[in-house]
Amino acid sequence: MEHKAGFVNIIGNPNVGKSTLMNALVGERLSIITPKAQTTRHRIFGILNEPEYQIVFSDTPGVIQPAYKMQEHMMKFVSDAFEDADVFLYLVEPGDRALKDQGFFEKLLRTKVPVLLIINKIDTTDQEKLEGEVDYWGDALPNAEIIPISALKEANTGYLLERLISLMPESPPYFEKDALTDKTERFFVSEIIREQILLNYKKEIPYSVEIDVEDFKETEDIIRMRAVIYVARDSQKGIIIGHRGTMLKRVGIGARKQLEKFFAKKVHLETFVKVKKNWRDSDLHLKRFGYKQ
């Protein structure tokens, strides 16, 4: 049998479980996961390799109406996902009604690419309500095949994977067969630190933060890292640090534990906080942080 390979691009509103689903299908924790909206800011590839196929999953930011330049570039990542898909996974949760950007939804209606409408979080609803969801989406997106799952419980994800394999075109692999992602180690360090900030701070603070990993040195026994946490306003610096540094210490400990799991090696992490005023609307800073080419 010929080798199969293709791109499966995951699209949906914030907090519907896109990152949880990709992690479950790839079998690795590549995308950070928190209860907060806009946890995913970049387009992240997770690569599933088997001798007979390679599936490149693409986790994208949740669809929103942008309020500043960073969010505009986040939506550009979603737009890019419409250009190279071999299969779309359009993820919804019970009660969800279409994408927050009608233009993206109309693209799904018009596309010739196979669309799998994934009703996630079926563990949170009952059979009668689920049947109502299936009926609704059958009318709203008639070109899609509907598959109910629970990404968190990995319910029906095995069937979903089988369908994806069957839809993959014959092709040589796009990446080396031992590749797991397209992102660098420093990217995952920054994401794991940002995850801790999302988990430990409220309101606007997590959305005003970006991480720059300034130093990453690996030896046989330990990885030494130095990261700067950038905030958008002077007042946010004190909040991140906390009274006598307690909050920054909490973030550092939580991130170090996750980094040691991720790299399977001892980690020494230093963190600092600096202000880059209004970086979310600065083309220069957005380019540095990887939001634009």
C-alpha atoms as a PDB file:
ATOM      1  CA  MET A   1       0.000   0.000   0.000  1.00  0.00           C
ATOM      2  CA  GLU A   2       1.232   3.520  -0.782  1.00  0.00           C
ATOM      3  CA  HIS A   3       2.244   5.798   2.085  1.00  0.00           C
ATOM      4  CA  LYS A   4      -0.404   8.348   3.145  1.00  0.00           C
ATOM      5  CA  ALA A   5       0.221  11.848   4.454  1.00  0.00           C
ATOM      6  CA  GLY A   6      -1.784  15.027   4.927  1.00  0.00           C
ATOM      7  CA  PHE A   7      -2.771  18.020   7.033  1.00  0.00           C
ATOM      8  CA  VAL A   8      -5.709  17.858   9.436  1.00  0.00           C
ATOM      9  CA  ASN A   9      -6.535  21.408  10.510  1.00  0.00           C
ATOM     10  CA  ILE A  10      -8.563  21.909  13.687  1.00  0.00           C
ATOM     11  CA  ILE A  11     -10.828  24.970  13.789  1.00  0.00           C
ATOM     12  CA  GLY A  12     -13.395  26.189  16.303  1.00  0.00           C
ATOM     13  CA  ASN A  13     -14.428  28.826  18.813  1.00  0.00           C
ATOM     14  CA  PRO A  14     -12.389  29.378  22.003  1.00  0.00           C
ATOM     15  CA  ASN A  15     -12.481  26.675  24.688  1.00  0.00           C
ATOM     16  CA  VAL A  16     -14.180  23.947  22.640  1.00  0.00           C
ATOM     17  CA  GLY A  17     -11.273  21.532  23.207  1.00  0.00           C
ATOM     18  CA  LYS A  18      -9.086  21.879  20.107  1.00  0.00           C
ATOM     19  CA  SER A  19      -5.811  21.554  21.996  1.00  0.00           C
ATOM     20  CA  THR A  20      -7.103  18.678  24.122  1.00  0.00           C
ATOM     21  CA  LEU A  21      -8.144  16.838  20.964  1.00  0.00           C
ATOM     22  CA  MET A  22      -4.817  17.311  19.188  1.00  0.00           C
ATOM     23  CA  ASN A  23      -2.900  16.166  22.257  1.00  0.00           C
ATOM     24  CA  ALA A  24      -5.120  13.080  22.496  1.00  0.00           C
ATOM     25  CA  LEU A  25      -4.724  12.168  18.821  1.00  0.00           C
ATOM     26  CA  VAL A  26      -0.958  12.737  18.751  1.00  0.00           C
ATOM     27  CA  GLY A  27      -0.451  11.073  22.121  1.00  0.00           C
ATOM     28  CA  GLU A  28       1.729  13.908  23.441  1.00  0.00           C
ATOM     29  CA  ARG A  29       1.024  17.085  25.397  1.00  0.00           C
ATOM     30  CA  LEU A  30       2.074  19.637  22.784  1.00  0.00           C
ATOM     31  CA  SER A  31      -0.546  22.368  23.199  1.00  0.00           C
ATOM     32  CA  ILE A  32      -1.042  23.978  26.601  1.00  0.00           C
ATOM     33  CA  ILE A  33      -4.522  23.664  28.077  1.00  0.00           C
ATOM     34  CA  THR A  34      -6.296  25.951  30.552  1.00  0.00           C
ATOM     35  CA  PRO A  35      -9.948  26.858  31.214  1.00  0.00           C
ATOM     36  CA  LYS A  36      -9.325  30.373  29.865  1.00  0.00           C
ATOM     37  CA  ALA A  37     -10.209  31.531  26.355  1.00  0.00           C
ATOM     38  CA  GLN A  38      -7.379  32.333  23.926  1.00  0.00           C
ATOM     39  CA  THR A  39      -4.975  29.895  25.587  1.00  0.00           C
ATOM     40  CA  THR A  40      -3.673  28.935  22.123  1.00  0.00           C
ATOM     41  CA  ARG A  41      -2.106  31.908  20.330  1.00  0.00           C
ATOM     42  CA  HIS A  42      -0.115  30.247  17.558  1.00  0.00           C
ATOM     43  CA  ARG A  43      -0.650  27.566  14.949  1.00  0.00           C
ATOM     44  CA  ILE A  44       1.010  24.440  16.333  1.00  0.00           C
ATOM     45  CA  PHE A  45       1.674  21.257  14.351  1.00  0.00           C
ATOM     46  CA  GLY A  46       1.448  17.896  16.082  1.00  0.00           C
ATOM     47  CA  ILE A  47       2.751  15.063  13.904  1.00  0.00           C
ATOM     48  CA  LEU A  48       1.483  11.491  14.193  1.00  0.00           C
ATOM     49  CA  ASN A  49       3.785   8.988  12.514  1.00  0.00           C
ATOM     50  CA  GLU A  50       3.180   5.341  11.697  1.00  0.00           C
ATOM     51  CA  PRO A  51       4.986   3.233   9.072  1.00  0.00           C
ATOM     52  CA  GLU A  52       2.100   3.567   6.616  1.00  0.00           C
ATOM     53  CA  TYR A  53       1.033   7.177   7.260  1.00  0.00           C
ATOM     54  CA  GLN A  54       1.881  10.602   8.650  1.00  0.00           C
ATOM     55  CA  ILE A  55      -0.887  12.928   9.859  1.00  0.00           C
ATOM     56  CA  VAL A  56       0.055  16.547  10.545  1.00  0.00           C
ATOM     57  CA  PHE A  57      -2.499  17.967  12.983  1.00  0.00           C
ATOM     58  CA  SER A  58      -2.738  21.749  13.131  1.00  0.00           C
ATOM     59  CA  ASP A  59      -4.044  23.313  16.346  1.00  0.00           C
ATOM     60  CA  THR A  60      -5.215  26.881  15.778  1.00  0.00           C
ATOM     61  CA  PRO A  61      -6.309  29.769  18.025  1.00  0.00           C
ATOM     62  CA  GLY A  62     -10.005  29.957  18.856  1.00  0.00           C
ATOM     63  CA  VAL A  63     -11.941  32.122  16.406  1.00  0.00           C
ATOM     64  CA  ILE A  64     -12.627  35.609  17.791  1.00  0.00           C
ATOM     65  CA  GLN A  65     -13.287  39.151  16.593  1.00  0.00           C
ATOM     66  CA  PRO A  66      -9.852  40.814  16.992  1.00  0.00           C
ATOM     67  CA  ALA A  67      -9.468  43.776  19.355  1.00  0.00           C
ATOM     68  CA  TYR A  68      -5.766  44.502  18.735  1.00  0.00           C
ATOM     69  CA  LYS A  69      -2.967  43.558  16.355  1.00  0.00           C
ATOM     70  CA  MET A  70      -1.868  40.415  18.191  1.00  0.00           C
ATOM     71  CA  GLN A  71      -5.364  38.980  17.828  1.00  0.00           C
ATOM     72  CA  GLU A  72      -5.407  39.964  14.142  1.00  0.00           C
ATOM     73  CA  HIS A  73      -2.289  37.847  13.634  1.00  0.00           C
ATOM     74  CA  MET A  74      -3.854  35.015  15.647  1.00  0.00           C
ATOM     75  CA  MET A  75      -6.753  35.032  13.188  1.00  0.00           C
ATOM     76  CA  LYS A  76      -4.230  35.054  10.335  1.00  0.00           C
ATOM     77  CA  PHE A  77      -3.037  31.674  11.677  1.00  0.00           C
ATOM     78  CA  VAL A  78      -6.643  30.439  11.384  1.00  0.00           C
ATOM     79  CA  SER A  79      -6.915  31.855   7.859  1.00  0.00           C
ATOM     80  CA  ASP A  80      -3.676  30.079   6.896  1.00  0.00           C
ATOM     81  CA  ALA A  81      -5.205  26.806   8.048  1.00  0.00           C
ATOM     82  CA  PHE A  82      -7.780  27.127   5.258  1.00  0.00           C
ATOM     83  CA  GLU A  83      -5.032  27.134   2.641  1.00  0.00           C
ATOM     84  CA  ASP A  84      -3.353  23.757   3.187  1.00  0.00           C
ATOM     85  CA  ALA A  85      -5.948  21.435   4.728  1.00  0.00           C
ATOM     86  CA  ASP A  86      -6.553  17.907   3.457  1.00  0.00           C
ATOM     87  CA  VAL A  87      -9.257  17.507   6.124  1.00  0.00           C
ATOM     88  CA  PHE A  88     -10.959  20.047   8.388  1.00  0.00           C
ATOM     89  CA  LEU A  89     -11.958  19.175  11.920  1.00  0.00           C
ATOM     90  CA  TYR A  90     -14.554  21.768  12.895  1.00  0.00           C
ATOM     91  CA  LEU A  91     -14.882  21.394  16.645  1.00  0.00           C
ATOM     92  CA  VAL A  92     -18.000  22.475  18.537  1.00  0.00           C
ATOM     93  CA  GLU A  93     -19.402  21.812  21.978  1.00  0.00           C
ATOM     94  CA  PRO A  94     -23.061  21.295  22.970  1.00  0.00           C
ATOM     95  CA  GLY A  95     -24.879  24.604  22.597  1.00  0.00           C
ATOM     96  CA  ASP A  96     -22.272  26.072  20.224  1.00  0.00           C
ATOM     97  CA  ARG A  97     -23.779  27.854  17.244  1.00  0.00           C
ATOM     98  CA  ALA A  98     -21.429  28.632  14.324  1.00  0.00           C
ATOM     99  CA  LEU A  99     -18.046  30.329  14.356  1.00  0.00           C
ATOM    100  CA  LYS A 100     -17.596  33.804  15.809  1.00  0.00           C
ATOM    101  CA  ASP A 101     -16.384  34.904  12.358  1.00  0.00           C
ATOM    102  CA  GLN A 102     -19.091  34.310   9.765  1.00  0.00           C
ATOM    103  CA  GLY A 103     -16.542  34.513   6.952  1.00  0.00           C
ATOM    104  CA  PHE A 104     -14.683  31.461   8.255  1.00  0.00           C
ATOM    105  CA  PHE A 105     -17.954  29.554   8.622  1.00  0.00           C
ATOM    106  CA  GLU A 106     -18.934  30.334   5.039  1.00  0.00           C
ATOM    107  CA  LYS A 107     -15.556  29.017   3.892  1.00  0.00           C
ATOM    108  CA  LEU A 108     -16.384  25.720   5.585  1.00  0.00           C
ATOM    109  CA  LEU A 109     -19.735  25.676   3.798  1.00  0.00           C
ATOM    110  CA  ARG A 110     -18.078  26.205   0.401  1.00  0.00           C
ATOM    111  CA  THR A 111     -14.944  24.100   0.744  1.00  0.00           C
ATOM    112  CA  LYS A 112     -14.336  21.011  -1.372  1.00  0.00           C
ATOM    113  CA  VAL A 113     -12.072  19.629   1.366  1.00  0.00           C
ATOM    114  CA  PRO A 114     -13.677  16.964   3.616  1.00  0.00           C
ATOM    115  CA  VAL A 115     -15.126  18.483   6.802  1.00  0.00           C
ATOM    116  CA  LEU A 116     -15.642  16.424   9.945  1.00  0.00           C
ATOM    117  CA  LEU A 117     -17.965  18.248  12.337  1.00  0.00           C
ATOM    118  CA  ILE A 118     -16.786  17.115  15.775  1.00  0.00           C
ATOM    119  CA  ILE A 119     -19.257  17.539  18.626  1.00  0.00           C
ATOM    120  CA  ASN A 120     -16.913  17.496  21.617  1.00  0.00           C
ATOM    121  CA  LYS A 121     -17.645  17.170  25.350  1.00  0.00           C
ATOM    122  CA  ILE A 122     -20.392  14.577  24.895  1.00  0.00           C
ATOM    123  CA  ASP A 123     -19.642  13.550  28.489  1.00  0.00           C
ATOM    124  CA  THR A 124     -21.284  16.814  29.583  1.00  0.00           C
ATOM    125  CA  THR A 125     -24.689  16.214  27.960  1.00  0.00           C
ATOM    126  CA  ASP A 126     -27.365  13.522  27.623  1.00  0.00           C
ATOM    127  CA  GLN A 127     -28.475  11.469  24.637  1.00  0.00           C
ATOM    128  CA  GLU A 128     -31.581  13.526  23.858  1.00  0.00           C
ATOM    129  CA  LYS A 129     -29.641  16.812  23.778  1.00  0.00           C
ATOM    130  CA  LEU A 130     -26.881  15.202  21.737  1.00  0.00           C
ATOM    131  CA  GLU A 131     -29.393  14.061  19.122  1.00  0.00           C
ATOM    132  CA  GLY A 132     -30.641  17.665  18.961  1.00  0.00           C
ATOM    133  CA  GLU A 133     -27.077  18.859  18.344  1.00  0.00           C
ATOM    134  CA  VAL A 134     -26.633  16.321  15.555  1.00  0.00           C
ATOM    135  CA  ASP A 135     -29.875  17.484  13.917  1.00  0.00           C
ATOM    136  CA  TYR A 136     -28.862  21.155  14.191  1.00  0.00           C
ATOM    137  CA  TRP A 137     -25.435  20.674  12.640  1.00  0.00           C
ATOM    138  CA  GLY A 138     -26.788  18.385   9.963  1.00  0.00           C
ATOM    139  CA  ASP A 139     -28.867  21.341   8.766  1.00  0.00           C
ATOM    140  CA  ALA A 140     -26.292  24.080   9.432  1.00  0.00           C
ATOM    141  CA  LEU A 141     -23.330  22.343   7.749  1.00  0.00           C
ATOM    142  CA  PRO A 142     -24.804  19.756   5.382  1.00  0.00           C
ATOM    143  CA  ASN A 143     -21.467  19.011   3.694  1.00  0.00           C
ATOM    144  CA  ALA A 144     -19.917  17.767   6.957  1.00  0.00           C
ATOM    145  CA  GLU A 145     -19.756  14.303   8.489  1.00  0.00           C
ATOM    146  CA  ILE A 146     -20.783  14.541  12.153  1.00  0.00           C
ATOM    147  CA  ILE A 147     -18.794  12.637  14.793  1.00  0.00           C
ATOM    148  CA  PRO A 148     -19.595  13.036  18.528  1.00  0.00           C
ATOM    149  CA  ILE A 149     -16.607  12.569  20.869  1.00  0.00           C
ATOM    150  CA  SER A 150     -15.128  13.445  24.230  1.00  0.00           C
ATOM    151  CA  ALA A 151     -11.506  14.492  23.716  1.00  0.00           C
ATOM    152  CA  LEU A 152     -10.935  14.680  27.473  1.00  0.00           C
ATOM    153  CA  LYS A 153     -12.242  11.147  28.068  1.00  0.00           C
ATOM    154  CA  GLU A 154     -10.894   9.949  24.672  1.00  0.00           C
ATOM    155  CA  ALA A 155     -14.365   8.624  23.849  1.00  0.00           C
ATOM    156  CA  ASN A 156     -14.777   7.821  20.140  1.00  0.00           C
ATOM    157  CA  THR A 157     -11.372   9.340  19.325  1.00  0.00           C
ATOM    158  CA  GLY A 158     -10.223   5.949  18.033  1.00  0.00           C
ATOM    159  CA  TYR A 159     -13.007   5.951  15.436  1.00  0.00           C
ATOM    160  CA  LEU A 160     -12.175   9.558  14.527  1.00  0.00           C
ATOM    161  CA  LEU A 161      -8.553   8.590  13.902  1.00  0.00           C
ATOM    162  CA  GLU A 162      -9.642   5.704  11.676  1.00  0.00           C
ATOM    163  CA  ARG A 163     -11.741   8.088   9.592  1.00  0.00           C
ATOM    164  CA  LEU A 164      -8.841  10.515   9.283  1.00  0.00           C
ATOM    165  CA  ILE A 165      -6.481   7.793   8.099  1.00  0.00           C
ATOM    166  CA  SER A 166      -9.012   6.747   5.458  1.00  0.00           C
ATOM    167  CA  LEU A 167      -9.268  10.362   4.215  1.00  0.00           C
ATOM    168  CA  MET A 168      -5.523  10.953   3.926  1.00  0.00           C
ATOM    169  CA  PRO A 169      -4.230  11.208   0.343  1.00  0.00           C
ATOM    170  CA  GLU A 170      -1.371   9.052  -0.876  1.00  0.00           C
ATOM    171  CA  SER A 171       1.786  11.096  -0.359  1.00  0.00           C
ATOM    172  CA  PRO A 172       5.318  10.841   0.980  1.00  0.00           C
ATOM    173  CA  PRO A 173       5.733  12.300   4.494  1.00  0.00           C
ATOM    174  CA  TYR A 174       5.974  16.078   4.820  1.00  0.00           C
ATOM    175  CA  PHE A 175       8.299  15.876   7.841  1.00  0.00           C
ATOM    176  CA  GLU A 176      10.955  13.446   9.020  1.00  0.00           C
ATOM    177  CA  LYS A 177       9.286  10.311  10.336  1.00  0.00           C
ATOM    178  CA  ASP A 178      10.628  10.870  13.852  1.00  0.00           C
ATOM    179  CA  ALA A 179       9.370  14.490  14.015  1.00  0.00           C
ATOM    180  CA  LEU A 180       6.744  15.318  16.632  1.00  0.00           C
ATOM    181  CA  THR A 181       6.159  19.013  15.920  1.00  0.00           C
ATOM    182  CA  ASP A 182       7.374  21.979  13.890  1.00  0.00           C
ATOM    183  CA  LYS A 183       8.092  24.097  16.967  1.00  0.00           C
ATOM    184  CA  THR A 184      11.398  24.599  18.775  1.00  0.00           C
ATOM    185  CA  GLU A 185      12.238  23.627  22.334  1.00  0.00           C
ATOM    186  CA  ARG A 186      12.303  27.315  23.297  1.00  0.00           C
ATOM    187  CA  PHE A 187       8.741  27.707  22.009  1.00  0.00           C
ATOM    188  CA  PHE A 188       7.503  24.993  24.365  1.00  0.00           C
ATOM    189  CA  VAL A 189       9.401  26.524  27.278  1.00  0.00           C
ATOM    190  CA  SER A 190       7.639  29.845  26.671  1.00  0.00           C
ATOM    191  CA  GLU A 191       4.254  28.130  26.328  1.00  0.00           C
ATOM    192  CA  ILE A 192       4.649  26.146  29.554  1.00  0.00           C
ATOM    193  CA  ILE A 193       5.554  29.324  31.463  1.00  0.00           C
ATOM    194  CA  ARG A 194       2.596  31.140  29.885  1.00  0.00           C
ATOM    195  CA  GLU A 195       0.321  28.267  30.899  1.00  0.00           C
ATOM    196  CA  GLN A 196       1.292  28.798  34.537  1.00  0.00           C
ATOM    197  CA  ILE A 197       0.482  32.500  34.210  1.00  0.00           C
ATOM    198  CA  LEU A 198      -2.923  31.661  32.745  1.00  0.00           C
ATOM    199  CA  LEU A 199      -3.580  29.320  35.666  1.00  0.00           C
ATOM    200  CA  ASN A 200      -2.366  31.652  38.441  1.00  0.00           C
ATOM    201  CA  TYR A 201      -3.611  35.110  37.420  1.00  0.00           C
ATOM    202  CA  LYS A 202      -7.045  36.532  36.678  1.00  0.00           C
ATOM    203  CA  LYS A 203      -8.652  39.156  34.455  1.00  0.00           C
ATOM    204  CA  GLU A 204      -6.464  40.897  31.881  1.00  0.00           C
ATOM    205  CA  ILE A 205      -3.039  39.904  33.229  1.00  0.00           C
ATOM    206  CA  PRO A 206      -2.582  36.585  31.333  1.00  0.00           C
ATOM    207  CA  TYR A 207      -3.588  38.217  28.040  1.00  0.00           C
ATOM    208  CA  SER A 208      -1.038  41.019  28.478  1.00  0.00           C
ATOM    209  CA  VAL A 209       1.895  38.631  28.890  1.00  0.00           C
ATOM    210  CA  GLU A 210       4.441  37.234  26.448  1.00  0.00           C
ATOM    211  CA  ILE A 211       7.499  35.092  27.185  1.00  0.00           C
ATOM    212  CA  ASP A 212      10.971  35.367  25.666  1.00  0.00           C
ATOM    213  CA  VAL A 213      13.378  32.508  26.389  1.00  0.00           C
ATOM    214  CA  GLU A 214      16.717  34.297  26.343  1.00  0.00           C
ATOM    215  CA  ASP A 215      18.926  31.360  27.244  1.00  0.00           C
ATOM    216  CA  PHE A 216      18.608  27.586  26.826  1.00  0.00           C
ATOM    217  CA  LYS A 217      21.659  25.456  27.611  1.00  0.00           C
ATOM    218  CA  GLU A 218      21.408  21.685  27.831  1.00  0.00           C
ATOM    219  CA  THR A 219      24.010  19.382  29.355  1.00  0.00           C
ATOM    220  CA  GLU A 220      23.857  15.669  30.018  1.00  0.00           C
ATOM    221  CA  ASP A 221      22.307  16.129  33.453  1.00  0.00           C
ATOM    222  CA  ILE A 222      20.365  19.418  33.394  1.00  0.00           C
ATOM    223  CA  ILE A 223      18.836  22.110  31.190  1.00  0.00           C
ATOM    224  CA  ARG A 224      19.442  25.681  32.326  1.00  0.00           C
ATOM    225  CA  MET A 225      16.939  28.270  31.107  1.00  0.00           C
ATOM    226  CA  ARG A 226      16.453  31.994  31.529  1.00  0.00           C
ATOM    227  CA  ALA A 227      13.130  33.534  30.511  1.00  0.00           C
ATOM    228  CA  VAL A 228      11.767  37.064  30.544  1.00  0.00           C
ATOM    229  CA  ILE A 229       8.066  37.596  31.183  1.00  0.00           C
ATOM    230  CA  TYR A 230       6.997  40.744  29.327  1.00  0.00           C
ATOM    231  CA  VAL A 231       3.914  42.712  30.376  1.00  0.00           C
ATOM    232  CA  ALA A 232       2.160  45.584  28.609  1.00  0.00           C
ATOM    233  CA  ARG A 233       1.928  48.095  31.470  1.00  0.00           C
ATOM    234  CA  ASP A 234       4.016  49.146  34.487  1.00  0.00           C
ATOM    235  CA  SER A 235       1.210  48.277  36.917  1.00  0.00           C
ATOM    236  CA  GLN A 236       1.178  44.667  35.696  1.00  0.00           C
ATOM    237  CA  LYS A 237       4.810  44.048  36.619  1.00  0.00           C
ATOM    238  CA  GLY A 238       4.085  44.233  40.355  1.00  0.00           C
ATOM    239  CA  ILE A 239       1.091  41.938  40.000  1.00  0.00           C
ATOM    240  CA  ILE A 240       3.152  39.293  38.197  1.00  0.00           C
ATOM    241  CA  ILE A 241       5.915  39.458  40.817  1.00  0.00           C
ATOM    242  CA  GLY A 242       3.524  39.511  43.775  1.00  0.00           C
ATOM    243  CA  HIS A 243       4.247  40.405  47.413  1.00  0.00           C
ATOM    244  CA  ARG A 244       7.909  39.646  48.084  1.00  0.00           C
ATOM    245  CA  GLY A 245       8.076  37.699  44.844  1.00  0.00           C
ATOM    246  CA  THR A 246       5.613  35.011  45.944  1.00  0.00           C
ATOM    247  CA  MET A 247       3.568  34.913  42.727  1.00  0.00           C
ATOM    248  CA  LEU A 248       6.596  34.819  40.428  1.00  0.00           C
ATOM    249  CA  LYS A 249       8.061  32.038  42.561  1.00  0.00           C
ATOM    250  CA  ARG A 250       4.804  30.070  42.252  1.00  0.00           C
ATOM    251  CA  VAL A 251       4.872  30.420  38.463  1.00  0.00           C
ATOM    252  CA  GLY A 252       8.520  29.350  38.365  1.00  0.00           C
ATOM    253  CA  ILE A 253       7.956  26.241  40.474  1.00  0.00           C
ATOM    254  CA  GLY A 254       4.895  25.179  38.483  1.00  0.00           C
ATOM    255  CA  ALA A 255       6.651  25.752  35.157  1.00  0.00           C
ATOM    256  CA  ARG A 256       9.797  23.904  36.258  1.00  0.00           C
ATOM    257  CA  LYS A 257       7.772  20.832  37.236  1.00  0.00           C
ATOM    258  CA  GLN A 258       6.022  20.777  33.851  1.00  0.00           C
ATOM    259  CA  LEU A 259       9.285  21.403  31.990  1.00  0.00           C
ATOM    260  CA  GLU A 260      10.952  18.491  33.758  1.00  0.00           C
ATOM    261  CA  LYS A 261       8.077  16.256  32.662  1.00  0.00           C
ATOM    262  CA  PHE A 262       8.269  17.590  29.104  1.00  0.00           C
ATOM    263  CA  PHE A 263      12.028  17.187  28.703  1.00  0.00           C
ATOM    264  CA  ALA A 264      12.384  14.186  31.062  1.00  0.00           C
ATOM    265  CA  LYS A 265      15.395  15.911  32.610  1.00  0.00           C
ATOM    266  CA  LYS A 266      16.244  18.152  35.553  1.00  0.00           C
ATOM    267  CA  VAL A 267      15.570  21.837  34.813  1.00  0.00           C
ATOM    268  CA  HIS A 268      16.932  25.035  36.342  1.00  0.00           C
ATOM    269  CA  LEU A 269      14.675  27.971  35.433  1.00  0.00           C
ATOM    270  CA  GLU A 270      15.270  31.665  36.088  1.00  0.00           C
ATOM    271  CA  THR A 271      12.458  34.128  35.388  1.00  0.00           C
ATOM    272  CA  PHE A 272      12.458  37.922  35.212  1.00  0.00           C
ATOM    273  CA  VAL A 273       9.695  40.461  34.533  1.00  0.00           C
ATOM    274  CA  LYS A 274      10.040  43.449  32.189  1.00  0.00           C
ATOM    275  CA  VAL A 275       7.635  45.977  30.667  1.00  0.00           C
ATOM    276  CA  LYS A 276       7.153  46.384  26.906  1.00  0.00           C
ATOM    277  CA  LYS A 277       4.407  48.932  26.695  1.00  0.00           C
ATOM    278  CA  ASN A 278       1.537  48.051  24.359  1.00  0.00           C
ATOM    279  CA  TRP A 279       3.500  45.215  22.754  1.00  0.00           C
ATOM    280  CA  ARG A 280       0.247  43.633  21.502  1.00  0.00           C
ATOM    281  CA  ASP A 281      -0.151  46.495  19.005  1.00  0.00           C
ATOM    282  CA  SER A 282       3.521  46.797  18.013  1.00  0.00           C
ATOM    283  CA  ASP A 283       4.526  45.248  14.676  1.00  0.00           C
ATOM    284  CA  LEU A 284       8.147  45.116  15.834  1.00  0.00           C
ATOM    285  CA  HIS A 285       7.389  43.242  19.030  1.00  0.00           C
ATOM    286  CA  LEU A 286       4.827  40.946  17.391  1.00  0.00           C
ATOM    287  CA  LYS A 287       7.428  39.917  14.834  1.00  0.00           C
ATOM    288  CA  ARG A 288       9.947  39.205  17.571  1.00  0.00           C
ATOM    289  CA  PHE A 289       7.429  37.070  19.438  1.00  0.00           C
ATOM    290  CA  GLY A 290       6.586  35.054  16.324  1.00  0.00           C
ATOM    291  CA  TYR A 291       3.149  36.437  15.461  1.00  0.00           C
ATOM    292  CA  LYS A 292       4.101  37.792  12.044  1.00  0.00           C
ATOM    293  CA  GLN A 293       6.664  37.039   9.385  1.00  0.00           C
END
